[in-house]
Amino acid sequence: MQAIMETLFDAAYLITVITLGVLMVKNGRENKLYFLFGCMAVILGSGDAFHLVPRAYALCTSGLENFTEALGIGKLITSITMTVFYVLLYFVWRIRYQVSGKKGLTGTVLGLAALRAALCLLPQNAWTSPEPPLVWGIVRNIPFAALGILMIVLFYKSAKNAGDRPYRHLWLTILLSFAFYIPVVLWADTWPLVGMLMIPKTCAYVWTVLIGYLDMSRGRTA
């Protein structure tokens, strides 16, 4: 039952996010905001597919324990693409609120992203090991969490100050995604049921993508 339900959920998620992303890229070629949002969604879905597709195959065949290497490599790729996702989200923020300058802020975002990527690539993570070290799961997520907090603050303040209703909840989608993700990093290996928090975490990302897509749709029909 888990294999069927999880596979259906993951398939629906990947198809939804990638489809919305492709539509935004296609229809937003003359609008940098929607084009960038679309690229962000495609990268999100494509990156997650490297982990979710092997996981679905493993669940439906001989079990997760027989696909440790493929799942580990998938997690590594997903970790990198999620970092790129937030970098693109930062530039969505700049375009949405017509932000110029702020080289220090841009440098901070790019620096956190580069640090996160570098930490993910270190062999100490032991991605393909059946029992990767928890400490490295925490270490590599510190700059990622800092990047997420920065995005939450930026979108919250900017949407509030600009009275931006279409994007008024985007900060909340980011907050929820991290609120559900962090317990998984810390305790999923000890209490497997905590891993179910990845479901609402995934829904939060779908909500993020929908905000961009619905905003584009309203603009086209206005």
N, C-alpha and C. Protein backbone atom coordinates (compact mmCIF):
# COMPACT_ATOMS: atom_id res chain seq x y z
N MET A 1 0.83 -1.21 0.00
CA MET A 1 0.00 0.00 0.00
C MET A 1 0.86 1.26 0.00
N GLN A 2 1.94 1.27 0.83
CA GLN A 2 2.83 2.43 0.86
C GLN A 2 3.42 2.69 -0.52
N ALA A 3 3.85 1.60 -1.18
CA ALA A 3 4.48 1.75 -2.49
C ALA A 3 3.53 2.41 -3.48
N ILE A 4 2.27 1.97 -3.48
CA ILE A 4 1.30 2.50 -4.43
C ILE A 4 0.97 3.96 -4.13
N MET A 5 0.65 4.25 -2.87
CA MET A 5 0.24 5.60 -2.50
C MET A 5 1.38 6.60 -2.67
N GLU A 6 2.58 6.21 -2.22
CA GLU A 6 3.72 7.13 -2.33
C GLU A 6 4.09 7.37 -3.78
N THR A 7 4.04 6.32 -4.58
CA THR A 7 4.38 6.46 -5.99
C THR A 7 3.39 7.36 -6.71
N LEU A 8 2.10 7.19 -6.42
CA LEU A 8 1.08 8.04 -7.03
C LEU A 8 1.24 9.50 -6.61
N PHE A 9 1.52 9.71 -5.33
CA PHE A 9 1.70 11.08 -4.84
C PHE A 9 2.91 11.74 -5.50
N ASP A 10 4.03 11.01 -5.55
CA ASP A 10 5.24 11.57 -6.14
C ASP A 10 5.07 11.85 -7.63
N ALA A 11 4.38 10.93 -8.31
CA ALA A 11 4.13 11.13 -9.75
C ALA A 11 3.28 12.38 -9.98
N ALA A 12 2.24 12.54 -9.17
CA ALA A 12 1.37 13.71 -9.29
C ALA A 12 2.16 14.99 -9.03
N TYR A 13 3.02 14.96 -8.03
CA TYR A 13 3.85 16.12 -7.69
C TYR A 13 4.78 16.49 -8.84
N LEU A 14 5.53 15.50 -9.34
CA LEU A 14 6.50 15.77 -10.41
C LEU A 14 5.82 16.26 -11.68
N ILE A 15 4.72 15.61 -12.05
CA ILE A 15 4.01 16.02 -13.27
C ILE A 15 3.46 17.43 -13.12
N THR A 16 2.89 17.73 -11.95
CA THR A 16 2.30 19.05 -11.72
C THR A 16 3.35 20.15 -11.76
N VAL A 17 4.41 19.98 -11.01
CA VAL A 17 5.44 21.02 -10.91
C VAL A 17 6.15 21.24 -12.24
N ILE A 18 6.54 20.16 -12.90
CA ILE A 18 7.26 20.30 -14.17
C ILE A 18 6.34 20.87 -15.25
N THR A 19 5.09 20.43 -15.28
CA THR A 19 4.14 20.96 -16.28
C THR A 19 3.92 22.45 -16.08
N LEU A 20 3.68 22.87 -14.84
CA LEU A 20 3.48 24.30 -14.57
C LEU A 20 4.73 25.09 -14.91
N GLY A 21 5.88 24.51 -14.62
CA GLY A 21 7.14 25.18 -14.94
C GLY A 21 7.31 25.36 -16.43
N VAL A 22 7.05 24.31 -17.21
CA VAL A 22 7.18 24.39 -18.67
C VAL A 22 6.21 25.43 -19.24
N LEU A 23 5.00 25.47 -18.71
CA LEU A 23 4.02 26.45 -19.18
C LEU A 23 4.48 27.88 -18.89
N MET A 24 5.07 28.08 -17.71
CA MET A 24 5.56 29.42 -17.38
C MET A 24 6.74 29.81 -18.26
N VAL A 25 7.63 28.86 -18.53
CA VAL A 25 8.76 29.15 -19.41
C VAL A 25 8.26 29.49 -20.82
N LYS A 26 7.32 28.68 -21.30
CA LYS A 26 6.79 28.88 -22.66
C LYS A 26 6.03 30.19 -22.79
N ASN A 27 5.16 30.48 -21.85
CA ASN A 27 4.29 31.65 -21.94
C ASN A 27 4.91 32.92 -21.37
N GLY A 28 6.04 32.75 -20.70
CA GLY A 28 6.66 33.92 -20.07
C GLY A 28 7.96 34.35 -20.71
N ARG A 29 8.13 34.01 -21.99
CA ARG A 29 9.38 34.33 -22.67
C ARG A 29 9.64 35.83 -22.73
N GLU A 30 8.58 36.62 -22.74
CA GLU A 30 8.74 38.07 -22.80
C GLU A 30 8.62 38.71 -21.43
N ASN A 31 8.53 37.88 -20.40
CA ASN A 31 8.43 38.39 -19.03
C ASN A 31 9.45 37.65 -18.17
N LYS A 32 10.48 38.37 -17.75
CA LYS A 32 11.59 37.74 -17.02
C LYS A 32 11.11 37.08 -15.73
N LEU A 33 10.13 37.69 -15.07
CA LEU A 33 9.65 37.16 -13.81
C LEU A 33 9.07 35.76 -13.99
N TYR A 34 8.15 35.62 -14.91
CA TYR A 34 7.49 34.33 -15.10
C TYR A 34 8.42 33.30 -15.74
N PHE A 35 9.29 33.77 -16.64
CA PHE A 35 10.27 32.87 -17.24
C PHE A 35 11.19 32.29 -16.17
N LEU A 36 11.65 33.15 -15.27
CA LEU A 36 12.54 32.70 -14.20
C LEU A 36 11.80 31.79 -13.22
N PHE A 37 10.55 32.13 -12.93
CA PHE A 37 9.73 31.29 -12.05
C PHE A 37 9.54 29.91 -12.69
N GLY A 38 9.34 29.89 -14.00
CA GLY A 38 9.18 28.63 -14.69
C GLY A 38 10.44 27.78 -14.65
N CYS A 39 11.59 28.42 -14.87
CA CYS A 39 12.86 27.71 -14.78
C CYS A 39 13.04 27.13 -13.38
N MET A 40 12.66 27.91 -12.40
CA MET A 40 12.76 27.49 -11.01
C MET A 40 11.93 26.23 -10.76
N ALA A 41 10.71 26.20 -11.30
CA ALA A 41 9.83 25.05 -11.12
C ALA A 41 10.35 23.81 -11.85
N VAL A 42 10.86 24.00 -13.05
CA VAL A 42 11.39 22.87 -13.81
C VAL A 42 12.61 22.27 -13.11
N ILE A 43 13.48 23.13 -12.61
CA ILE A 43 14.66 22.65 -11.88
C ILE A 43 14.24 21.92 -10.61
N LEU A 44 13.24 22.44 -9.92
CA LEU A 44 12.73 21.79 -8.72
C LEU A 44 12.25 20.38 -9.02
N GLY A 45 11.36 20.25 -10.01
CA GLY A 45 10.80 18.95 -10.34
C GLY A 45 11.83 18.00 -10.92
N SER A 46 12.66 18.49 -11.82
CA SER A 46 13.67 17.64 -12.45
C SER A 46 14.67 17.12 -11.42
N GLY A 47 15.09 18.01 -10.52
CA GLY A 47 16.04 17.60 -9.49
C GLY A 47 15.45 16.58 -8.55
N ASP A 48 14.22 16.79 -8.13
CA ASP A 48 13.56 15.84 -7.23
C ASP A 48 13.34 14.49 -7.89
N ALA A 49 13.19 14.50 -9.21
CA ALA A 49 12.96 13.24 -9.93
C ALA A 49 14.14 12.28 -9.78
N PHE A 50 15.34 12.82 -9.63
CA PHE A 50 16.52 11.97 -9.49
C PHE A 50 16.47 11.13 -8.21
N HIS A 51 15.72 11.62 -7.23
CA HIS A 51 15.56 10.84 -6.00
C HIS A 51 14.23 10.09 -5.96
N LEU A 52 13.16 10.75 -6.39
CA LEU A 52 11.83 10.15 -6.26
C LEU A 52 11.59 9.00 -7.22
N VAL A 53 12.12 9.07 -8.42
CA VAL A 53 11.92 7.99 -9.38
C VAL A 53 12.62 6.71 -8.92
N PRO A 54 13.91 6.75 -8.53
CA PRO A 54 14.53 5.53 -7.99
C PRO A 54 13.83 5.03 -6.73
N ARG A 55 13.34 5.96 -5.91
CA ARG A 55 12.65 5.55 -4.69
C ARG A 55 11.35 4.81 -5.02
N ALA A 56 10.61 5.32 -5.98
CA ALA A 56 9.37 4.65 -6.38
C ALA A 56 9.66 3.28 -6.96
N TYR A 57 10.70 3.20 -7.77
CA TYR A 57 11.07 1.90 -8.36
C TYR A 57 11.48 0.91 -7.27
N ALA A 58 12.23 1.40 -6.30
CA ALA A 58 12.68 0.54 -5.20
C ALA A 58 11.50 0.04 -4.38
N LEU A 59 10.57 0.93 -4.07
CA LEU A 59 9.41 0.54 -3.27
C LEU A 59 8.55 -0.48 -4.01
N CYS A 60 8.49 -0.37 -5.31
CA CYS A 60 7.63 -1.26 -6.09
C CYS A 60 8.32 -2.56 -6.50
N THR A 61 9.60 -2.68 -6.17
CA THR A 61 10.33 -3.90 -6.54
C THR A 61 10.90 -4.59 -5.30
N SER A 62 12.22 -4.51 -5.13
CA SER A 62 12.87 -5.30 -4.08
C SER A 62 13.15 -4.55 -2.79
N GLY A 63 12.75 -3.29 -2.69
CA GLY A 63 12.92 -2.56 -1.43
C GLY A 63 14.02 -1.52 -1.46
N LEU A 64 13.89 -0.54 -0.60
CA LEU A 64 14.83 0.59 -0.56
C LEU A 64 16.26 0.15 -0.26
N GLU A 65 16.41 -0.89 0.57
CA GLU A 65 17.75 -1.30 0.99
C GLU A 65 18.59 -1.81 -0.17
N ASN A 66 17.97 -2.15 -1.28
CA ASN A 66 18.70 -2.65 -2.44
C ASN A 66 19.04 -1.56 -3.45
N PHE A 67 18.69 -0.33 -3.13
CA PHE A 67 18.95 0.78 -4.05
C PHE A 67 19.64 1.94 -3.31
N THR A 68 20.46 1.61 -2.35
CA THR A 68 21.10 2.62 -1.51
C THR A 68 21.93 3.60 -2.34
N GLU A 69 22.70 3.09 -3.27
CA GLU A 69 23.58 3.95 -4.06
C GLU A 69 22.78 4.91 -4.94
N ALA A 70 21.80 4.38 -5.64
CA ALA A 70 20.98 5.22 -6.52
C ALA A 70 20.22 6.28 -5.73
N LEU A 71 19.68 5.89 -4.58
CA LEU A 71 18.94 6.83 -3.75
C LEU A 71 19.86 7.90 -3.18
N GLY A 72 21.07 7.51 -2.80
CA GLY A 72 22.03 8.46 -2.26
C GLY A 72 22.45 9.49 -3.29
N ILE A 73 22.75 9.02 -4.49
CA ILE A 73 23.12 9.95 -5.57
C ILE A 73 21.95 10.86 -5.90
N GLY A 74 20.75 10.31 -5.87
CA GLY A 74 19.56 11.12 -6.11
C GLY A 74 19.39 12.22 -5.07
N LYS A 75 19.67 11.88 -3.82
CA LYS A 75 19.59 12.88 -2.75
C LYS A 75 20.61 13.99 -2.95
N LEU A 76 21.81 13.62 -3.40
CA LEU A 76 22.85 14.62 -3.66
C LEU A 76 22.41 15.58 -4.75
N ILE A 77 21.90 15.03 -5.85
CA ILE A 77 21.45 15.88 -6.95
C ILE A 77 20.30 16.79 -6.50
N THR A 78 19.37 16.22 -5.76
CA THR A 78 18.24 17.01 -5.25
C THR A 78 18.72 18.13 -4.34
N SER A 79 19.71 17.87 -3.51
CA SER A 79 20.25 18.88 -2.61
C SER A 79 20.83 20.06 -3.39
N ILE A 80 21.53 19.75 -4.49
CA ILE A 80 22.12 20.81 -5.31
C ILE A 80 21.04 21.60 -6.04
N THR A 81 20.07 20.90 -6.65
CA THR A 81 19.04 21.60 -7.40
C THR A 81 18.13 22.43 -6.50
N MET A 82 17.91 21.97 -5.27
CA MET A 82 17.12 22.77 -4.33
C MET A 82 17.86 24.07 -3.98
N THR A 83 19.17 24.01 -3.92
CA THR A 83 19.96 25.21 -3.66
C THR A 83 19.81 26.19 -4.82
N VAL A 84 19.88 25.66 -6.04
CA VAL A 84 19.69 26.51 -7.23
C VAL A 84 18.29 27.12 -7.22
N PHE A 85 17.31 26.33 -6.79
CA PHE A 85 15.93 26.79 -6.69
C PHE A 85 15.84 28.08 -5.87
N TYR A 86 16.51 28.11 -4.73
CA TYR A 86 16.44 29.29 -3.87
C TYR A 86 17.24 30.46 -4.40
N VAL A 87 18.29 30.19 -5.13
CA VAL A 87 19.03 31.28 -5.77
C VAL A 87 18.14 31.95 -6.82
N LEU A 88 17.45 31.14 -7.62
CA LEU A 88 16.53 31.69 -8.62
C LEU A 88 15.38 32.44 -7.95
N LEU A 89 14.92 31.92 -6.81
CA LEU A 89 13.85 32.58 -6.08
C LEU A 89 14.29 33.97 -5.61
N TYR A 90 15.55 34.08 -5.24
CA TYR A 90 16.08 35.39 -4.85
C TYR A 90 15.98 36.38 -6.01
N PHE A 91 16.32 35.93 -7.21
CA PHE A 91 16.25 36.83 -8.37
C PHE A 91 14.80 37.09 -8.78
N VAL A 92 13.90 36.16 -8.48
CA VAL A 92 12.47 36.43 -8.65
C VAL A 92 12.07 37.59 -7.75
N TRP A 93 12.55 37.57 -6.52
CA TRP A 93 12.27 38.66 -5.57
C TRP A 93 12.79 39.99 -6.09
N ARG A 94 13.98 40.01 -6.64
CA ARG A 94 14.56 41.25 -7.16
C ARG A 94 13.73 41.80 -8.31
N ILE A 95 13.28 40.92 -9.19
CA ILE A 95 12.49 41.37 -10.34
C ILE A 95 11.10 41.81 -9.89
N ARG A 96 10.48 41.02 -9.02
CA ARG A 96 9.12 41.32 -8.58
C ARG A 96 9.03 42.69 -7.93
N TYR A 97 10.02 43.00 -7.11
CA TYR A 97 9.96 44.26 -6.34
C TYR A 97 10.95 45.30 -6.85
N GLN A 98 11.41 45.08 -8.08
CA GLN A 98 12.27 46.05 -8.78
C GLN A 98 13.43 46.52 -7.90
N VAL A 99 14.12 45.53 -7.37
CA VAL A 99 15.25 45.81 -6.48
C VAL A 99 16.52 45.98 -7.33
N SER A 100 17.25 47.03 -7.06
CA SER A 100 18.51 47.26 -7.75
C SER A 100 19.61 47.42 -6.70
N GLY A 101 20.84 47.26 -7.14
CA GLY A 101 21.95 47.38 -6.19
C GLY A 101 21.98 46.21 -5.23
N LYS A 102 22.23 46.51 -3.97
CA LYS A 102 22.28 45.50 -2.90
C LYS A 102 23.28 44.39 -3.23
N LYS A 103 24.49 44.77 -3.63
CA LYS A 103 25.50 43.78 -4.00
C LYS A 103 25.88 42.90 -2.81
N GLY A 104 25.84 43.49 -1.62
CA GLY A 104 26.16 42.70 -0.43
C GLY A 104 25.16 41.59 -0.20
N LEU A 105 23.89 41.89 -0.40
CA LEU A 105 22.84 40.89 -0.23
C LEU A 105 22.97 39.79 -1.28
N THR A 106 23.21 40.20 -2.51
CA THR A 106 23.39 39.22 -3.58
C THR A 106 24.60 38.32 -3.29
N GLY A 107 25.67 38.94 -2.82
CA GLY A 107 26.86 38.17 -2.47
C GLY A 107 26.60 37.19 -1.36
N THR A 108 25.78 37.59 -0.39
CA THR A 108 25.43 36.70 0.72
C THR A 108 24.65 35.50 0.22
N VAL A 109 23.67 35.74 -0.64
CA VAL A 109 22.86 34.65 -1.19
C VAL A 109 23.72 33.68 -1.99
N LEU A 110 24.55 34.23 -2.87
CA LEU A 110 25.40 33.37 -3.70
C LEU A 110 26.44 32.65 -2.85
N GLY A 111 26.92 33.33 -1.82
CA GLY A 111 27.91 32.71 -0.93
C GLY A 111 27.31 31.55 -0.15
N LEU A 112 26.12 31.73 0.39
CA LEU A 112 25.45 30.66 1.12
C LEU A 112 25.16 29.47 0.20
N ALA A 113 24.74 29.78 -1.03
CA ALA A 113 24.45 28.71 -1.99
C ALA A 113 25.71 27.94 -2.36
N ALA A 114 26.80 28.67 -2.58
CA ALA A 114 28.06 28.03 -2.93
C ALA A 114 28.58 27.17 -1.77
N LEU A 115 28.44 27.69 -0.55
CA LEU A 115 28.87 26.92 0.62
C LEU A 115 28.04 25.66 0.78
N ARG A 116 26.75 25.78 0.61
CA ARG A 116 25.86 24.62 0.68
C ARG A 116 26.25 23.56 -0.36
N ALA A 117 26.47 24.00 -1.60
CA ALA A 117 26.84 23.07 -2.66
C ALA A 117 28.17 22.40 -2.36
N ALA A 118 29.13 23.18 -1.89
CA ALA A 118 30.45 22.63 -1.57
C ALA A 118 30.36 21.60 -0.46
N LEU A 119 29.58 21.89 0.56
CA LEU A 119 29.41 20.94 1.67
C LEU A 119 28.73 19.66 1.20
N CYS A 120 27.78 19.79 0.30
CA CYS A 120 27.09 18.61 -0.22
C CYS A 120 28.03 17.70 -1.00
N LEU A 121 29.04 18.27 -1.63
CA LEU A 121 29.94 17.50 -2.48
C LEU A 121 31.08 16.83 -1.72
N LEU A 122 31.22 17.16 -0.45
CA LEU A 122 32.29 16.56 0.33
C LEU A 122 32.03 15.06 0.55
N PRO A 123 33.08 14.25 0.47
CA PRO A 123 32.90 12.79 0.64
C PRO A 123 32.42 12.39 2.02
N GLN A 124 32.60 13.26 3.02
CA GLN A 124 32.18 12.94 4.38
C GLN A 124 30.67 12.74 4.49
N ASN A 125 29.93 13.22 3.51
CA ASN A 125 28.47 13.03 3.54
C ASN A 125 28.08 11.56 3.37
N ALA A 126 28.94 10.80 2.73
CA ALA A 126 28.70 9.36 2.51
C ALA A 126 27.29 9.12 1.96
N TRP A 127 26.99 9.78 0.85
CA TRP A 127 25.65 9.71 0.28
C TRP A 127 25.21 8.29 -0.05
N THR A 128 26.16 7.48 -0.50
CA THR A 128 25.79 6.12 -0.94
C THR A 128 25.89 5.08 0.18
N SER A 129 26.14 5.53 1.40
CA SER A 129 26.23 4.61 2.53
C SER A 129 24.83 4.28 3.07
N PRO A 130 24.63 3.07 3.56
CA PRO A 130 23.34 2.71 4.16
C PRO A 130 23.04 3.55 5.41
N GLU A 131 24.08 4.04 6.08
CA GLU A 131 23.91 4.86 7.29
C GLU A 131 24.80 6.10 7.21
N PRO A 132 24.41 7.09 6.42
CA PRO A 132 25.21 8.32 6.32
C PRO A 132 25.21 9.05 7.66
N PRO A 133 26.31 9.75 7.98
CA PRO A 133 26.42 10.41 9.28
C PRO A 133 25.43 11.56 9.44
N LEU A 134 24.74 11.56 10.57
CA LEU A 134 23.76 12.61 10.85
C LEU A 134 24.41 13.98 10.93
N VAL A 135 25.61 14.03 11.50
CA VAL A 135 26.27 15.32 11.70
C VAL A 135 26.46 16.06 10.38
N TRP A 136 26.76 15.32 9.31
CA TRP A 136 26.93 15.99 8.02
C TRP A 136 25.59 16.38 7.41
N GLY A 137 24.54 15.66 7.76
CA GLY A 137 23.22 16.07 7.34
C GLY A 137 22.85 17.42 7.96
N ILE A 138 23.32 17.65 9.17
CA ILE A 138 23.07 18.92 9.85
C ILE A 138 23.97 20.01 9.29
N VAL A 139 25.27 19.70 9.15
CA VAL A 139 26.24 20.70 8.70
C VAL A 139 25.87 21.28 7.33
N ARG A 140 25.55 20.41 6.38
CA ARG A 140 25.28 20.89 5.02
C ARG A 140 23.97 21.67 4.94
N ASN A 141 23.10 21.49 5.93
CA ASN A 141 21.82 22.20 5.91
C ASN A 141 21.84 23.52 6.66
N ILE A 142 22.94 23.83 7.33
CA ILE A 142 23.03 25.12 8.04
C ILE A 142 23.00 26.29 7.05
N PRO A 143 23.86 26.33 6.02
CA PRO A 143 23.75 27.44 5.06
C PRO A 143 22.45 27.41 4.28
N PHE A 144 21.90 26.22 4.07
CA PHE A 144 20.62 26.09 3.36
C PHE A 144 19.50 26.72 4.17
N ALA A 145 19.49 26.44 5.48
CA ALA A 145 18.48 27.03 6.35
C ALA A 145 18.64 28.55 6.42
N ALA A 146 19.89 29.01 6.45
CA ALA A 146 20.15 30.46 6.48
C ALA A 146 19.60 31.11 5.21
N LEU A 147 19.80 30.44 4.08
CA LEU A 147 19.28 30.93 2.81
C LEU A 147 17.75 30.98 2.83
N GLY A 148 17.14 29.95 3.40
CA GLY A 148 15.69 29.91 3.50
C GLY A 148 15.15 31.03 4.39
N ILE A 149 15.79 31.25 5.52
CA ILE A 149 15.36 32.32 6.43
C ILE A 149 15.44 33.67 5.74
N LEU A 150 16.51 33.86 4.98
CA LEU A 150 16.68 35.12 4.25
C LEU A 150 15.55 35.33 3.25
N MET A 151 15.18 34.27 2.54
CA MET A 151 14.07 34.37 1.57
C MET A 151 12.74 34.66 2.27
N ILE A 152 12.54 34.05 3.42
CA ILE A 152 11.31 34.29 4.18
C ILE A 152 11.19 35.76 4.55
N VAL A 153 12.26 36.32 5.09
CA VAL A 153 12.27 37.72 5.52
C VAL A 153 12.07 38.66 4.33
N LEU A 154 12.78 38.41 3.25
CA LEU A 154 12.70 39.29 2.07
C LEU A 154 11.29 39.31 1.48
N PHE A 155 10.71 38.14 1.29
CA PHE A 155 9.37 38.09 0.68
C PHE A 155 8.30 38.60 1.63
N TYR A 156 8.45 38.34 2.92
CA TYR A 156 7.46 38.83 3.88
C TYR A 156 7.44 40.35 3.90
N LYS A 157 8.62 40.95 4.06
CA LYS A 157 8.70 42.41 4.15
C LYS A 157 8.28 43.08 2.85
N SER A 158 8.75 42.57 1.74
CA SER A 158 8.46 43.21 0.45
C SER A 158 7.00 43.09 0.08
N ALA A 159 6.41 41.91 0.26
CA ALA A 159 4.99 41.74 -0.07
C ALA A 159 4.10 42.61 0.81
N LYS A 160 4.47 42.71 2.09
CA LYS A 160 3.69 43.52 3.03
C LYS A 160 3.80 45.00 2.68
N ASN A 161 5.01 45.46 2.42
CA ASN A 161 5.21 46.88 2.12
C ASN A 161 4.59 47.30 0.79
N ALA A 162 4.59 46.36 -0.17
CA ALA A 162 4.05 46.67 -1.49
C ALA A 162 2.56 46.36 -1.62
N GLY A 163 1.97 45.75 -0.58
CA GLY A 163 0.57 45.35 -0.66
C GLY A 163 0.37 44.34 -1.78
N ASP A 164 1.32 43.44 -1.93
CA ASP A 164 1.33 42.47 -3.03
C ASP A 164 0.50 41.25 -2.67
N ARG A 165 -0.78 41.26 -3.01
CA ARG A 165 -1.67 40.16 -2.65
C ARG A 165 -1.31 38.84 -3.32
N PRO A 166 -0.99 38.81 -4.61
CA PRO A 166 -0.67 37.52 -5.23
C PRO A 166 0.50 36.80 -4.57
N TYR A 167 1.47 37.57 -4.03
CA TYR A 167 2.65 36.96 -3.44
C TYR A 167 2.66 37.06 -1.91
N ARG A 168 1.52 37.39 -1.34
CA ARG A 168 1.50 37.66 0.10
C ARG A 168 1.79 36.43 0.95
N HIS A 169 1.57 35.22 0.39
CA HIS A 169 1.80 34.00 1.16
C HIS A 169 3.06 33.26 0.75
N LEU A 170 3.85 33.83 -0.15
CA LEU A 170 5.01 33.10 -0.62
C LEU A 170 6.01 32.85 0.52
N TRP A 171 6.15 33.83 1.39
CA TRP A 171 7.05 33.65 2.53
C TRP A 171 6.60 32.47 3.40
N LEU A 172 5.28 32.29 3.49
CA LEU A 172 4.74 31.22 4.32
C LEU A 172 5.02 29.85 3.70
N THR A 173 4.98 29.77 2.38
CA THR A 173 5.28 28.49 1.73
C THR A 173 6.72 28.07 2.01
N ILE A 174 7.62 29.03 2.03
CA ILE A 174 9.03 28.73 2.33
C ILE A 174 9.17 28.31 3.79
N LEU A 175 8.50 29.05 4.67
CA LEU A 175 8.57 28.73 6.10
C LEU A 175 8.05 27.31 6.35
N LEU A 176 6.93 26.97 5.75
CA LEU A 176 6.36 25.64 5.95
C LEU A 176 7.27 24.54 5.40
N SER A 177 7.86 24.80 4.25
CA SER A 177 8.73 23.78 3.66
C SER A 177 9.90 23.47 4.58
N PHE A 178 10.48 24.48 5.22
CA PHE A 178 11.59 24.25 6.13
C PHE A 178 11.10 23.67 7.46
N ALA A 179 9.93 24.09 7.90
CA ALA A 179 9.39 23.58 9.16
C ALA A 179 9.14 22.08 9.09
N PHE A 180 8.75 21.60 7.91
CA PHE A 180 8.52 20.16 7.73
C PHE A 180 9.81 19.41 7.38
N TYR A 181 10.75 20.10 6.78
CA TYR A 181 11.98 19.45 6.32
C TYR A 181 12.98 19.22 7.45
N ILE A 182 13.15 20.19 8.32
CA ILE A 182 14.17 20.09 9.38
C ILE A 182 13.96 18.89 10.30
N PRO A 183 12.73 18.60 10.77
CA PRO A 183 12.56 17.39 11.60
C PRO A 183 12.94 16.10 10.88
N VAL A 184 12.74 16.07 9.56
CA VAL A 184 13.12 14.87 8.79
C VAL A 184 14.63 14.69 8.82
N VAL A 185 15.36 15.78 8.65
CA VAL A 185 16.82 15.72 8.69
C VAL A 185 17.30 15.22 10.05
N LEU A 186 16.67 15.72 11.11
CA LEU A 186 17.14 15.43 12.47
C LEU A 186 16.71 14.07 13.00
N TRP A 187 15.48 13.65 12.68
CA TRP A 187 14.93 12.50 13.40
C TRP A 187 14.37 11.37 12.54
N ALA A 188 14.38 11.50 11.22
CA ALA A 188 13.77 10.46 10.38
C ALA A 188 14.47 9.11 10.51
N ASP A 189 15.79 9.13 10.71
CA ASP A 189 16.50 7.86 10.84
C ASP A 189 16.15 7.14 12.14
N THR A 190 15.84 7.93 13.18
CA THR A 190 15.49 7.34 14.47
C THR A 190 14.02 6.95 14.53
N TRP A 191 13.17 7.84 14.02
CA TRP A 191 11.73 7.59 13.99
C TRP A 191 11.24 7.71 12.54
N PRO A 192 11.17 6.60 11.82
CA PRO A 192 10.82 6.62 10.39
C PRO A 192 9.53 7.35 10.05
N LEU A 193 8.57 7.35 10.98
CA LEU A 193 7.30 8.03 10.69
C LEU A 193 7.47 9.53 10.48
N VAL A 194 8.55 10.08 11.05
CA VAL A 194 8.82 11.51 10.85
C VAL A 194 9.01 11.81 9.36
N GLY A 195 9.46 10.81 8.62
CA GLY A 195 9.65 10.99 7.19
C GLY A 195 8.38 11.37 6.45
N MET A 196 7.23 11.11 7.04
CA MET A 196 5.96 11.47 6.40
C MET A 196 5.78 12.98 6.29
N LEU A 197 6.59 13.74 7.03
CA LEU A 197 6.52 15.19 6.94
C LEU A 197 6.97 15.69 5.57
N MET A 198 7.61 14.81 4.81
CA MET A 198 8.00 15.20 3.45
C MET A 198 6.77 15.43 2.57
N ILE A 199 5.63 14.86 2.95
CA ILE A 199 4.41 15.07 2.16
C ILE A 199 3.94 16.52 2.24
N PRO A 200 3.72 17.07 3.45
CA PRO A 200 3.33 18.49 3.50
C PRO A 200 4.45 19.41 3.01
N LYS A 201 5.71 19.00 3.19
CA LYS A 201 6.83 19.79 2.67
C LYS A 201 6.72 19.90 1.15
N THR A 202 6.41 18.79 0.51
CA THR A 202 6.25 18.78 -0.94
C THR A 202 5.07 19.65 -1.36
N CYS A 203 3.98 19.58 -0.61
CA CYS A 203 2.80 20.40 -0.90
C CYS A 203 3.13 21.89 -0.80
N ALA A 204 4.01 22.25 0.13
CA ALA A 204 4.41 23.64 0.28
C ALA A 204 5.14 24.12 -0.97
N TYR A 205 5.95 23.26 -1.56
CA TYR A 205 6.66 23.64 -2.78
C TYR A 205 5.69 23.76 -3.96
N VAL A 206 4.70 22.89 -4.01
CA VAL A 206 3.68 23.01 -5.06
C VAL A 206 2.96 24.34 -4.92
N TRP A 207 2.66 24.72 -3.69
CA TRP A 207 2.01 26.01 -3.43
C TRP A 207 2.88 27.16 -3.93
N THR A 208 4.18 27.08 -3.70
CA THR A 208 5.10 28.11 -4.17
C THR A 208 5.00 28.26 -5.69
N VAL A 209 5.05 27.15 -6.39
CA VAL A 209 4.98 27.18 -7.85
C VAL A 209 3.62 27.70 -8.32
N LEU A 210 2.55 27.30 -7.64
CA LEU A 210 1.22 27.75 -8.01
C LEU A 210 1.07 29.26 -7.88
N ILE A 211 1.74 29.84 -6.89
CA ILE A 211 1.68 31.29 -6.72
C ILE A 211 2.17 31.99 -7.99
N GLY A 212 3.30 31.52 -8.51
CA GLY A 212 3.82 32.11 -9.73
C GLY A 212 2.94 31.85 -10.93
N TYR A 213 2.45 30.61 -11.05
CA TYR A 213 1.63 30.26 -12.21
C TYR A 213 0.30 31.02 -12.21
N LEU A 214 -0.35 31.08 -11.07
CA LEU A 214 -1.64 31.77 -10.99
C LEU A 214 -1.49 33.27 -11.23
N ASP A 215 -0.37 33.83 -10.77
CA ASP A 215 -0.11 35.25 -11.03
C ASP A 215 0.04 35.49 -12.53
N MET A 216 0.76 34.59 -13.20
CA MET A 216 0.91 34.71 -14.64
C MET A 216 -0.45 34.57 -15.35
N SER A 217 -1.26 33.62 -14.90
CA SER A 217 -2.57 33.39 -15.52
C SER A 217 -3.47 34.60 -15.36
N ARG A 218 -3.43 35.22 -14.19
CA ARG A 218 -4.25 36.43 -13.98
C ARG A 218 -3.80 37.55 -14.88
N GLY A 219 -2.49 37.65 -15.07
CA GLY A 219 -1.96 38.71 -15.91
C GLY A 219 -2.36 38.54 -17.37
N ARG A 220 -2.45 37.30 -17.82
CA ARG A 220 -2.80 37.03 -19.22
C ARG A 220 -4.28 37.23 -19.49
N THR A 221 -5.11 37.07 -18.45
CA THR A 221 -6.56 37.19 -18.64
C THR A 221 -7.10 38.56 -18.25
N ALA A 222 -6.22 39.39 -17.65
CA ALA A 222 -6.67 40.71 -17.19
C ALA A 222 -6.97 41.64 -18.37
